[in-house]
């Protein structure tokens, strides 16, 4: 049976997954768009959603983050290379 997974990407890599989600793919995509808007606002304003100031380095890292949703029977595997 297909399950819905919220995906966090860093560049082309899967940085993480959340799920399975308790709702359908369409609702998940709405959540992903909302999260993307939250990140754009943080980059633009230099403040996180909780009001904390974020550094230039953190803002740069946020530029690589994307969100999405997929349907899969199993949890997609994280494939983000470890930082050295």
Protein backbone atom coordinates (compact mmCIF):
# COMPACT_ATOMS: atom_id res chain seq x y z
CA UNK A 1 0.00 0.00 0.00
CA UNK A 2 1.32 3.44 -0.90
CA UNK A 3 2.05 5.86 1.92
CA UNK A 4 2.71 9.60 1.71
CA UNK A 5 6.15 10.86 2.76
CA UNK A 6 7.19 14.48 3.34
CA UNK A 7 10.60 14.92 1.75
CA UNK A 8 13.42 17.31 2.68
CA UNK A 9 16.02 17.77 -0.03
CA UNK A 10 19.40 19.46 0.12
CA UNK A 11 20.37 20.13 -3.46
CA UNK A 12 19.77 16.85 -5.29
CA UNK A 13 20.05 14.69 -2.17
CA UNK A 14 17.40 13.40 0.24
CA UNK A 15 18.30 15.09 3.53
CA UNK A 16 15.40 13.59 5.45
CA UNK A 17 11.88 12.26 5.42
CA UNK A 18 8.86 12.59 7.68
CA UNK A 19 6.07 10.10 7.70
CA UNK A 20 4.18 8.28 6.76
CA UNK A 21 1.91 11.31 6.80
CA UNK A 22 -1.65 11.01 8.13
CA UNK A 23 -3.11 12.73 5.07
CA UNK A 24 -3.14 12.43 1.29
CA UNK A 25 -0.59 13.58 -1.27
CA UNK A 26 -2.42 16.79 -2.14
CA UNK A 27 -2.50 17.98 1.48
CA UNK A 28 1.17 17.05 1.85
CA UNK A 29 2.03 19.20 -1.17
CA UNK A 30 0.21 22.14 0.41
CA UNK A 31 2.29 21.64 3.57
CA UNK A 32 5.49 21.48 1.50
CA UNK A 33 4.64 24.77 -0.24
CA UNK A 34 3.92 26.41 3.12
CA UNK A 35 7.27 25.21 4.49
CA UNK A 36 9.04 26.53 1.37
CA UNK A 37 7.41 29.94 1.88
CA UNK A 38 8.55 29.92 5.50
CA UNK A 39 12.13 29.27 4.36
CA UNK A 40 11.95 32.03 1.72
CA UNK A 41 10.77 34.46 4.40
CA UNK A 42 13.64 33.44 6.69
CA UNK A 43 16.14 34.02 3.88
CA UNK A 44 14.57 37.38 3.02
CA UNK A 45 14.26 38.69 6.59
CA UNK A 46 17.19 36.96 8.27
CA UNK A 47 14.88 35.66 11.00
CA UNK A 48 13.63 32.15 11.72
CA UNK A 49 9.90 31.49 12.25
CA UNK A 50 10.44 31.84 16.01
CA UNK A 51 12.06 35.29 15.60
CA UNK A 52 15.62 34.07 16.14
CA UNK A 53 18.18 35.86 14.00
CA UNK A 54 19.88 33.54 11.51
CA UNK A 55 23.44 33.99 10.32
CA UNK A 56 24.57 34.61 6.76
CA UNK A 57 25.90 31.04 6.69
CA UNK A 58 22.53 29.63 7.80
CA UNK A 59 20.75 31.74 5.20
CA UNK A 60 23.07 30.35 2.52
CA UNK A 61 22.34 26.79 3.63
CA UNK A 62 18.61 27.46 3.42
CA UNK A 63 18.99 28.29 -0.27
CA UNK A 64 19.76 24.60 -0.92
CA UNK A 65 16.75 23.24 0.99
CA UNK A 66 13.63 22.11 -0.88
CA UNK A 67 10.50 20.30 0.25
CA UNK A 68 8.25 17.86 -1.54
CA UNK A 69 6.04 14.84 -1.14
CA UNK A 70 6.01 11.40 -2.68
CA UNK A 71 4.01 8.23 -2.47
CA UNK A 72 5.95 5.06 -1.72
CA UNK A 73 5.38 1.77 0.04
CA UNK A 74 8.59 2.22 2.05
CA UNK A 75 10.39 5.17 3.61
CA UNK A 76 12.78 6.73 1.08
CA UNK A 77 16.39 6.44 2.22
CA UNK A 78 18.46 9.45 3.14
CA UNK A 79 21.33 9.86 0.68
CA UNK A 80 22.89 13.12 1.81
CA UNK A 81 26.69 12.73 2.03
CA UNK A 82 28.14 13.26 5.48
CA UNK A 83 29.92 16.57 6.03
CA UNK A 84 33.63 16.36 6.71
